[in-house]
PDB file of N, CA and C in Angstrom:
ATOM      1  N   MET A   1       8.639   5.287 -26.625  1.00  0.00           N
ATOM      2  CA  MET A   1       9.033   5.793 -25.335  1.00  0.00           C
ATOM      3  C   MET A   1       9.388   7.266 -25.461  1.00  0.00           C
ATOM      4  N   GLY A   2       9.230   7.958 -24.361  1.00  0.00           N
ATOM      5  CA  GLY A   2       9.517   9.382 -24.347  1.00  0.00           C
ATOM      6  C   GLY A   2      11.003   9.669 -24.276  1.00  0.00           C
ATOM      7  N   HIS A   3      11.330  10.879 -23.805  1.00  0.00           N
ATOM      8  CA  HIS A   3      12.727  11.307 -23.749  1.00  0.00           C
ATOM      9  C   HIS A   3      13.387  10.989 -22.414  1.00  0.00           C
ATOM     10  N   ASP A   4      12.689  10.315 -21.501  1.00  0.00           N
ATOM     11  CA  ASP A   4      13.284   9.912 -20.232  1.00  0.00           C
ATOM     12  C   ASP A   4      14.393   8.904 -20.495  1.00  0.00           C
ATOM     13  N   SER A   5      15.321   8.806 -19.540  1.00  0.00           N
ATOM     14  CA  SER A   5      16.360   7.792 -19.703  1.00  0.00           C
ATOM     15  C   SER A   5      15.724   6.414 -19.538  1.00  0.00           C
ATOM     16  N   ILE A   6      16.333   5.415 -20.151  1.00  0.00           N
ATOM     17  CA  ILE A   6      15.800   4.058 -20.070  1.00  0.00           C
ATOM     18  C   ILE A   6      16.835   3.150 -19.417  1.00  0.00           C
ATOM     19  N   GLU A   7      16.332   2.099 -18.798  1.00  0.00           N
ATOM     20  CA  GLU A   7      17.195   1.133 -18.140  1.00  0.00           C
ATOM     21  C   GLU A   7      16.750  -0.271 -18.498  1.00  0.00           C
ATOM     22  N   ALA A   8      17.703  -1.163 -18.585  1.00  0.00           N
ATOM     23  CA  ALA A   8      17.397  -2.574 -18.790  1.00  0.00           C
ATOM     24  C   ALA A   8      16.994  -3.165 -17.446  1.00  0.00           C
ATOM     25  N   ILE A   9      15.838  -3.846 -17.404  1.00  0.00           N
ATOM     26  CA  ILE A   9      15.405  -4.460 -16.148  1.00  0.00           C
ATOM     27  C   ILE A   9      15.437  -5.971 -16.213  1.00  0.00           C
ATOM     28  N   GLY A  10      15.738  -6.504 -17.373  1.00  0.00           N
ATOM     29  CA  GLY A  10      15.801  -7.954 -17.500  1.00  0.00           C
ATOM     30  C   GLY A  10      16.580  -8.351 -18.727  1.00  0.00           C
ATOM     31  N   ASN A  11      17.157  -9.525 -18.653  1.00  0.00           N
ATOM     32  CA  ASN A  11      17.887 -10.104 -19.769  1.00  0.00           C
ATOM     33  C   ASN A  11      17.333 -11.513 -19.974  1.00  0.00           C
ATOM     34  N   PHE A  12      16.814 -11.790 -21.151  1.00  0.00           N
ATOM     35  CA  PHE A  12      16.121 -13.044 -21.431  1.00  0.00           C
ATOM     36  C   PHE A  12      16.889 -13.851 -22.463  1.00  0.00           C
ATOM     37  N   LEU A  13      16.682 -15.155 -22.449  1.00  0.00           N
ATOM     38  CA  LEU A  13      17.374 -16.034 -23.389  1.00  0.00           C
ATOM     39  C   LEU A  13      16.825 -15.930 -24.803  1.00  0.00           C
ATOM     40  N   ASN A  14      15.552 -15.504 -24.933  1.00  0.00           N
ATOM     41  CA  ASN A  14      14.956 -15.408 -26.265  1.00  0.00           C
ATOM     42  C   ASN A  14      13.923 -14.291 -26.308  1.00  0.00           C
ATOM     43  N   ARG A  15      13.549 -13.924 -27.519  1.00  0.00           N
ATOM     44  CA  ARG A  15      12.612 -12.817 -27.737  1.00  0.00           C
ATOM     45  C   ARG A  15      11.218 -13.148 -27.205  1.00  0.00           C
ATOM     46  N   VAL A  16      10.803 -14.400 -27.281  1.00  0.00           N
ATOM     47  CA  VAL A  16       9.458 -14.788 -26.821  1.00  0.00           C
ATOM     48  C   VAL A  16       9.301 -14.488 -25.337  1.00  0.00           C
ATOM     49  N   ASP A  17      10.262 -14.909 -24.530  1.00  0.00           N
ATOM     50  CA  ASP A  17      10.183 -14.647 -23.088  1.00  0.00           C
ATOM     51  C   ASP A  17      10.194 -13.146 -22.793  1.00  0.00           C
ATOM     52  N   ALA A  18      11.008 -12.406 -23.514  1.00  0.00           N
ATOM     53  CA  ALA A  18      11.068 -10.954 -23.327  1.00  0.00           C
ATOM     54  C   ALA A  18       9.738 -10.305 -23.702  1.00  0.00           C
ATOM     55  N   GLU A  19       9.112 -10.762 -24.782  1.00  0.00           N
ATOM     56  CA  GLU A  19       7.822 -10.203 -25.204  1.00  0.00           C
ATOM     57  C   GLU A  19       6.716 -10.537 -24.206  1.00  0.00           C
ATOM     58  N   LEU A  20       6.773 -11.727 -23.602  1.00  0.00           N
ATOM     59  CA  LEU A  20       5.793 -12.065 -22.564  1.00  0.00           C
ATOM     60  C   LEU A  20       5.938 -11.139 -21.362  1.00  0.00           C
ATOM     61  N   ALA A  21       7.156 -10.870 -20.966  1.00  0.00           N
ATOM     62  CA  ALA A  21       7.391  -9.946 -19.858  1.00  0.00           C
ATOM     63  C   ALA A  21       6.932  -8.538 -20.232  1.00  0.00           C
ATOM     64  N   ARG A  22       7.202  -8.131 -21.457  1.00  0.00           N
ATOM     65  CA  ARG A  22       6.759  -6.813 -21.918  1.00  0.00           C
ATOM     66  C   ARG A  22       5.243  -6.709 -21.866  1.00  0.00           C
ATOM     67  N   GLY A  23       4.565  -7.780 -22.246  1.00  0.00           N
ATOM     68  CA  GLY A  23       3.107  -7.799 -22.202  1.00  0.00           C
ATOM     69  C   GLY A  23       2.574  -7.671 -20.781  1.00  0.00           C
ATOM     70  N   ALA A  24       3.241  -8.318 -19.823  1.00  0.00           N
ATOM     71  CA  ALA A  24       2.825  -8.201 -18.417  1.00  0.00           C
ATOM     72  C   ALA A  24       2.961  -6.759 -17.939  1.00  0.00           C
ATOM     73  N   LEU A  25       4.030  -6.097 -18.344  1.00  0.00           N
ATOM     74  CA  LEU A  25       4.217  -4.700 -17.961  1.00  0.00           C
ATOM     75  C   LEU A  25       3.198  -3.804 -18.642  1.00  0.00           C
ATOM     76  N   ASP A  26       2.959  -4.058 -19.917  1.00  0.00           N
ATOM     77  CA  ASP A  26       1.985  -3.280 -20.674  1.00  0.00           C
ATOM     78  C   ASP A  26       0.599  -3.375 -20.034  1.00  0.00           C
ATOM     79  N   ALA A  27       0.235  -4.561 -19.561  1.00  0.00           N
ATOM     80  CA  ALA A  27      -1.064  -4.757 -18.919  1.00  0.00           C
ATOM     81  C   ALA A  27      -1.196  -3.928 -17.652  1.00  0.00           C
ATOM     82  N   GLU A  28      -0.069  -3.568 -17.050  1.00  0.00           N
ATOM     83  CA  GLU A  28      -0.060  -2.754 -15.831  1.00  0.00           C
ATOM     84  C   GLU A  28       0.208  -1.282 -16.129  1.00  0.00           C
ATOM     85  N   GLY A  29       0.231  -0.917 -17.408  1.00  0.00           N
ATOM     86  CA  GLY A  29       0.401   0.480 -17.792  1.00  0.00           C
ATOM     87  C   GLY A  29       1.838   0.956 -17.870  1.00  0.00           C
ATOM     88  N   ILE A  30       2.787   0.033 -17.915  1.00  0.00           N
ATOM     89  CA  ILE A  30       4.194   0.416 -18.019  1.00  0.00           C
ATOM     90  C   ILE A  30       4.667   0.135 -19.439  1.00  0.00           C
ATOM     91  N   GLU A  31       5.118   1.179 -20.093  1.00  0.00           N
ATOM     92  CA  GLU A  31       5.631   1.039 -21.452  1.00  0.00           C
ATOM     93  C   GLU A  31       7.025   0.427 -21.402  1.00  0.00           C
ATOM     94  N   ALA A  32       7.251  -0.588 -22.193  1.00  0.00           N
ATOM     95  CA  ALA A  32       8.540  -1.275 -22.231  1.00  0.00           C
ATOM     96  C   ALA A  32       8.906  -1.586 -23.676  1.00  0.00           C
ATOM     97  N   THR A  33      10.191  -1.784 -23.901  1.00  0.00           N
ATOM     98  CA  THR A  33      10.703  -2.095 -25.231  1.00  0.00           C
ATOM     99  C   THR A  33      11.640  -3.297 -25.141  1.00  0.00           C
ATOM    100  N   VAL A  34      11.544  -4.179 -26.115  1.00  0.00           N
ATOM    101  CA  VAL A  34      12.440  -5.323 -26.211  1.00  0.00           C
ATOM    102  C   VAL A  34      13.585  -4.931 -27.133  1.00  0.00           C
ATOM    103  N   SER A  35      14.805  -5.233 -26.686  1.00  0.00           N
ATOM    104  CA  SER A  35      15.992  -4.887 -27.465  1.00  0.00           C
ATOM    105  C   SER A  35      16.881  -6.111 -27.616  1.00  0.00           C
ATOM    106  N   ALA A  36      17.167  -6.462 -28.874  1.00  0.00           N
ATOM    107  CA  ALA A  36      18.054  -7.595 -29.142  1.00  0.00           C
ATOM    108  C   ALA A  36      18.884  -7.283 -30.378  1.00  0.00           C
ATOM    109  N   ASP A  37      20.114  -7.721 -30.367  1.00  0.00           N
ATOM    110  CA  ASP A  37      20.996  -7.536 -31.513  1.00  0.00           C
ATOM    111  C   ASP A  37      20.843  -8.731 -32.444  1.00  0.00           C
ATOM    112  N   ASP A  38      19.659  -8.811 -33.074  1.00  0.00           N
ATOM    113  CA  ASP A  38      19.344  -9.992 -33.886  1.00  0.00           C
ATOM    114  C   ASP A  38      18.709  -9.639 -35.228  1.00  0.00           C
ATOM    115  N   ALA A  39      19.003  -8.455 -35.744  1.00  0.00           N
ATOM    116  CA  ALA A  39      18.470  -8.017 -37.037  1.00  0.00           C
ATOM    117  C   ALA A  39      16.939  -8.102 -37.056  1.00  0.00           C
ATOM    118  N   ALA A  40      16.329  -7.517 -36.027  1.00  0.00           N
ATOM    119  CA  ALA A  40      14.865  -7.461 -35.899  1.00  0.00           C
ATOM    120  C   ALA A  40      14.217  -8.843 -35.861  1.00  0.00           C
ATOM    121  N   GLY A  41      14.906  -9.793 -35.263  1.00  0.00           N
ATOM    122  CA  GLY A  41      14.361 -11.133 -35.114  1.00  0.00           C
ATOM    123  C   GLY A  41      14.640 -12.077 -36.261  1.00  0.00           C
ATOM    124  N   THR A  42      15.234 -11.572 -37.325  1.00  0.00           N
ATOM    125  CA  THR A  42      15.488 -12.428 -38.487  1.00  0.00           C
ATOM    126  C   THR A  42      16.768 -13.250 -38.354  1.00  0.00           C
ATOM    127  N   ARG A  43      17.615 -12.888 -37.413  1.00  0.00           N
ATOM    128  CA  ARG A  43      18.884 -13.598 -37.208  1.00  0.00           C
ATOM    129  C   ARG A  43      19.099 -13.888 -35.717  1.00  0.00           C
ATOM    130  N   PRO A  44      18.280 -14.776 -35.145  1.00  0.00           N
ATOM    131  CA  PRO A  44      18.411 -15.026 -33.700  1.00  0.00           C
ATOM    132  C   PRO A  44      19.770 -15.563 -33.284  1.00  0.00           C
ATOM    133  N   HIS A  45      20.499 -16.155 -34.202  1.00  0.00           N
ATOM    134  CA  HIS A  45      21.827 -16.672 -33.862  1.00  0.00           C
ATOM    135  C   HIS A  45      22.825 -15.547 -33.569  1.00  0.00           C
ATOM    136  N   LEU A  46      22.462 -14.302 -33.853  1.00  0.00           N
ATOM    137  CA  LEU A  46      23.341 -13.175 -33.576  1.00  0.00           C
ATOM    138  C   LEU A  46      23.244 -12.692 -32.126  1.00  0.00           C
ATOM    139  N   TRP A  47      22.322 -13.234 -31.337  1.00  0.00           N
ATOM    140  CA  TRP A  47      22.181 -12.794 -29.948  1.00  0.00           C
ATOM    141  C   TRP A  47      23.491 -12.995 -29.227  1.00  0.00           C
ATOM    142  N   MET A  48      24.031 -11.942 -28.727  1.00  0.00           N
ATOM    143  CA  MET A  48      25.300 -12.029 -28.015  1.00  0.00           C
ATOM    144  C   MET A  48      25.072 -11.974 -26.510  1.00  0.00           C
ATOM    145  N   GLY A  49      24.260 -11.059 -26.064  1.00  0.00           N
ATOM    146  CA  GLY A  49      24.062 -10.871 -24.632  1.00  0.00           C
ATOM    147  C   GLY A  49      22.636 -11.116 -24.221  1.00  0.00           C
ATOM    148  N   GLY A  50      21.900 -11.878 -24.989  1.00  0.00           N
ATOM    149  CA  GLY A  50      20.504 -12.125 -24.679  1.00  0.00           C
ATOM    150  C   GLY A  50      19.613 -11.027 -25.226  1.00  0.00           C
ATOM    151  N   VAL A  51      18.388 -11.051 -24.784  1.00  0.00           N
ATOM    152  CA  VAL A  51      17.385 -10.087 -25.220  1.00  0.00           C
ATOM    153  C   VAL A  51      17.028  -9.240 -24.005  1.00  0.00           C
ATOM    154  N   ARG A  52      17.165  -7.931 -24.127  1.00  0.00           N
ATOM    155  CA  ARG A  52      16.945  -7.030 -22.998  1.00  0.00           C
ATOM    156  C   ARG A  52      15.544  -6.444 -23.017  1.00  0.00           C
ATOM    157  N   LEU A  53      15.021  -6.202 -21.818  1.00  0.00           N
ATOM    158  CA  LEU A  53      13.746  -5.522 -21.646  1.00  0.00           C
ATOM    159  C   LEU A  53      14.049  -4.164 -21.037  1.00  0.00           C
ATOM    160  N   LEU A  54      13.623  -3.103 -21.701  1.00  0.00           N
ATOM    161  CA  LEU A  54      13.938  -1.737 -21.303  1.00  0.00           C
ATOM    162  C   LEU A  54      12.683  -1.003 -20.858  1.00  0.00           C
ATOM    163  N   VAL A  55      12.811  -0.209 -19.781  1.00  0.00           N
ATOM    164  CA  VAL A  55      11.715   0.639 -19.299  1.00  0.00           C
ATOM    165  C   VAL A  55      12.273   2.004 -18.938  1.00  0.00           C
ATOM    166  N   ARG A  56      11.383   2.978 -18.758  1.00  0.00           N
ATOM    167  CA  ARG A  56      11.806   4.298 -18.291  1.00  0.00           C
ATOM    168  C   ARG A  56      12.404   4.168 -16.890  1.00  0.00           C
ATOM    169  N   ALA A  57      13.384   4.992 -16.605  1.00  0.00           N
ATOM    170  CA  ALA A  57      14.065   4.951 -15.309  1.00  0.00           C
ATOM    171  C   ALA A  57      13.072   5.087 -14.151  1.00  0.00           C
ATOM    172  N   GLY A  58      12.057   5.891 -14.303  1.00  0.00           N
ATOM    173  CA  GLY A  58      11.070   6.089 -13.247  1.00  0.00           C
ATOM    174  C   GLY A  58      10.160   4.894 -13.016  1.00  0.00           C
ATOM    175  N   ASP A  59      10.144   3.949 -13.941  1.00  0.00           N
ATOM    176  CA  ASP A  59       9.274   2.768 -13.829  1.00  0.00           C
ATOM    177  C   ASP A  59      10.020   1.511 -13.381  1.00  0.00           C
ATOM    178  N   VAL A  60      11.329   1.600 -13.155  1.00  0.00           N
ATOM    179  CA  VAL A  60      12.148   0.422 -12.895  1.00  0.00           C
ATOM    180  C   VAL A  60      11.653  -0.373 -11.692  1.00  0.00           C
ATOM    181  N   GLU A  61      11.479   0.280 -10.564  1.00  0.00           N
ATOM    182  CA  GLU A  61      11.107  -0.444  -9.342  1.00  0.00           C
ATOM    183  C   GLU A  61       9.753  -1.137  -9.491  1.00  0.00           C
ATOM    184  N   ARG A  62       8.760  -0.417  -9.990  1.00  0.00           N
ATOM    185  CA  ARG A  62       7.423  -1.005 -10.161  1.00  0.00           C
ATOM    186  C   ARG A  62       7.462  -2.145 -11.185  1.00  0.00           C
ATOM    187  N   ALA A  63       8.211  -1.967 -12.260  1.00  0.00           N
ATOM    188  CA  ALA A  63       8.318  -3.005 -13.290  1.00  0.00           C
ATOM    189  C   ALA A  63       8.943  -4.275 -12.714  1.00  0.00           C
ATOM    190  N   ARG A  64       9.974  -4.121 -11.918  1.00  0.00           N
ATOM    191  CA  ARG A  64      10.602  -5.296 -11.296  1.00  0.00           C
ATOM    192  C   ARG A  64       9.629  -6.020 -10.368  1.00  0.00           C
ATOM    193  N   GLN A  65       8.849  -5.263  -9.614  1.00  0.00           N
ATOM    194  CA  GLN A  65       7.857  -5.880  -8.722  1.00  0.00           C
ATOM    195  C   GLN A  65       6.824  -6.659  -9.525  1.00  0.00           C
ATOM    196  N   ILE A  66       6.360  -6.089 -10.614  1.00  0.00           N
ATOM    197  CA  ILE A  66       5.363  -6.759 -11.468  1.00  0.00           C
ATOM    198  C   ILE A  66       5.935  -8.054 -12.031  1.00  0.00           C
ATOM    199  N   LEU A  67       7.158  -8.011 -12.521  1.00  0.00           N
ATOM    200  CA  LEU A  67       7.772  -9.206 -13.101  1.00  0.00           C
ATOM    201  C   LEU A  67       8.036 -10.269 -12.050  1.00  0.00           C
ATOM    202  N   GLN A  68       8.425  -9.862 -10.846  1.00  0.00           N
ATOM    203  CA  GLN A  68       8.633 -10.833  -9.772  1.00  0.00           C
ATOM    204  C   GLN A  68       7.317 -11.494  -9.394  1.00  0.00           C
ATOM    205  N   THR A  69       6.242 -10.726  -9.334  1.00  0.00           N
ATOM    206  CA  THR A  69       4.921 -11.281  -9.024  1.00  0.00           C
ATOM    207  C   THR A  69       4.476 -12.228 -10.135  1.00  0.00           C
ATOM    208  N   ALA A  70       4.680 -11.827 -11.387  1.00  0.00           N
ATOM    209  CA  ALA A  70       4.295 -12.677 -12.519  1.00  0.00           C
ATOM    210  C   ALA A  70       5.089 -13.971 -12.506  1.00  0.00           C
ATOM    211  N   GLU A  71       6.361 -13.911 -12.157  1.00  0.00           N
ATOM    212  CA  GLU A  71       7.201 -15.107 -12.094  1.00  0.00           C
ATOM    213  C   GLU A  71       6.722 -16.031 -10.981  1.00  0.00           C
ATOM    214  N   ALA A  72       6.340 -15.469  -9.843  1.00  0.00           N
ATOM    215  CA  ALA A  72       5.848 -16.273  -8.728  1.00  0.00           C
ATOM    216  C   ALA A  72       4.547 -16.970  -9.103  1.00  0.00           C
ATOM    217  N   VAL A  73       3.664 -16.284  -9.793  1.00  0.00           N
ATOM    218  CA  VAL A  73       2.401 -16.874 -10.227  1.00  0.00           C
ATOM    219  C   VAL A  73       2.674 -17.984 -11.227  1.00  0.00           C
ATOM    220  N   ASP A  74       3.588 -17.769 -12.158  1.00  0.00           N
ATOM    221  CA  ASP A  74       3.939 -18.769 -13.158  1.00  0.00           C
ATOM    222  C   ASP A  74       4.512 -20.015 -12.494  1.00  0.00           C
ATOM    223  N   THR A  75       5.349 -19.832 -11.510  1.00  0.00           N
ATOM    224  CA  THR A  75       5.931 -20.966 -10.792  1.00  0.00           C
ATOM    225  C   THR A  75       4.855 -21.758 -10.064  1.00  0.00           C
ATOM    226  N   LYS A  76       3.893 -21.059  -9.461  1.00  0.00           N
ATOM    227  CA  LYS A  76       2.789 -21.744  -8.788  1.00  0.00           C
ATOM    228  C   LYS A  76       1.974 -22.563  -9.779  1.00  0.00           C
ATOM    229  N   ASN A  77       1.705 -21.991 -10.942  1.00  0.00           N
ATOM    230  CA  ASN A  77       0.932 -22.715 -11.966  1.00  0.00           C
ATOM    231  C   ASN A  77       1.687 -23.928 -12.457  1.00  0.00           C
ATOM    232  N   ASP A  78       3.000 -23.849 -12.596  1.00  0.00           N
ATOM    233  CA  ASP A  78       3.786 -25.009 -13.006  1.00  0.00           C
ATOM    234  C   ASP A  78       3.689 -26.120 -11.975  1.00  0.00           C
ATOM    235  N   THR A  79       3.700 -25.763 -10.716  1.00  0.00           N
ATOM    236  CA  THR A  79       3.609 -26.744  -9.638  1.00  0.00           C
ATOM    237  C   THR A  79       2.262 -27.423  -9.648  1.00  0.00           C
ATOM    238  N   LYS A  80       1.187 -26.675  -9.860  1.00  0.00           N
ATOM    239  CA  LYS A  80      -0.158 -27.236  -9.921  1.00  0.00           C
ATOM    240  C   LYS A  80      -0.277 -28.228 -11.085  1.00  0.00           C
ATOM    241  N   ASN A  81       0.311 -27.884 -12.223  1.00  0.00           N
ATOM    242  CA  ASN A  81       0.219 -28.737 -13.412  1.00  0.00           C
ATOM    243  C   ASN A  81       1.003 -30.026 -13.253  1.00  0.00           C
ATOM    244  N   ASP A  82       1.995 -30.044 -12.365  1.00  0.00           N
ATOM    245  CA  ASP A  82       2.803 -31.236 -12.157  1.00  0.00           C
ATOM    246  C   ASP A  82       2.096 -32.273 -11.302  1.00  0.00           C
ATOM    247  N   GLN A  83       1.060 -31.874 -10.593  1.00  0.00           N
ATOM    248  CA  GLN A  83       0.376 -32.800  -9.670  1.00  0.00           C
ATOM    249  C   GLN A  83      -0.575 -33.706 -10.379  1.00  0.00           C
TER     250      GLN A  83
END
């Protein structure tokens, strides 16, 4: 990431979910970083406040829209699979 300020746009229960969200943003051209206090993934039991997803301040609104859309699509797919 560049020298712009960064903001957390999401807090996830685990690194896998955070990385999936990061991938959705990356696919839309938004650079994001996963941040967790877990010794680079080697000590997941150290997670205190979850796993954060960080983006540049200028990308916050668009990133949130992308994640909300991705969540809505995921929910629809879960509903289809239940039938």
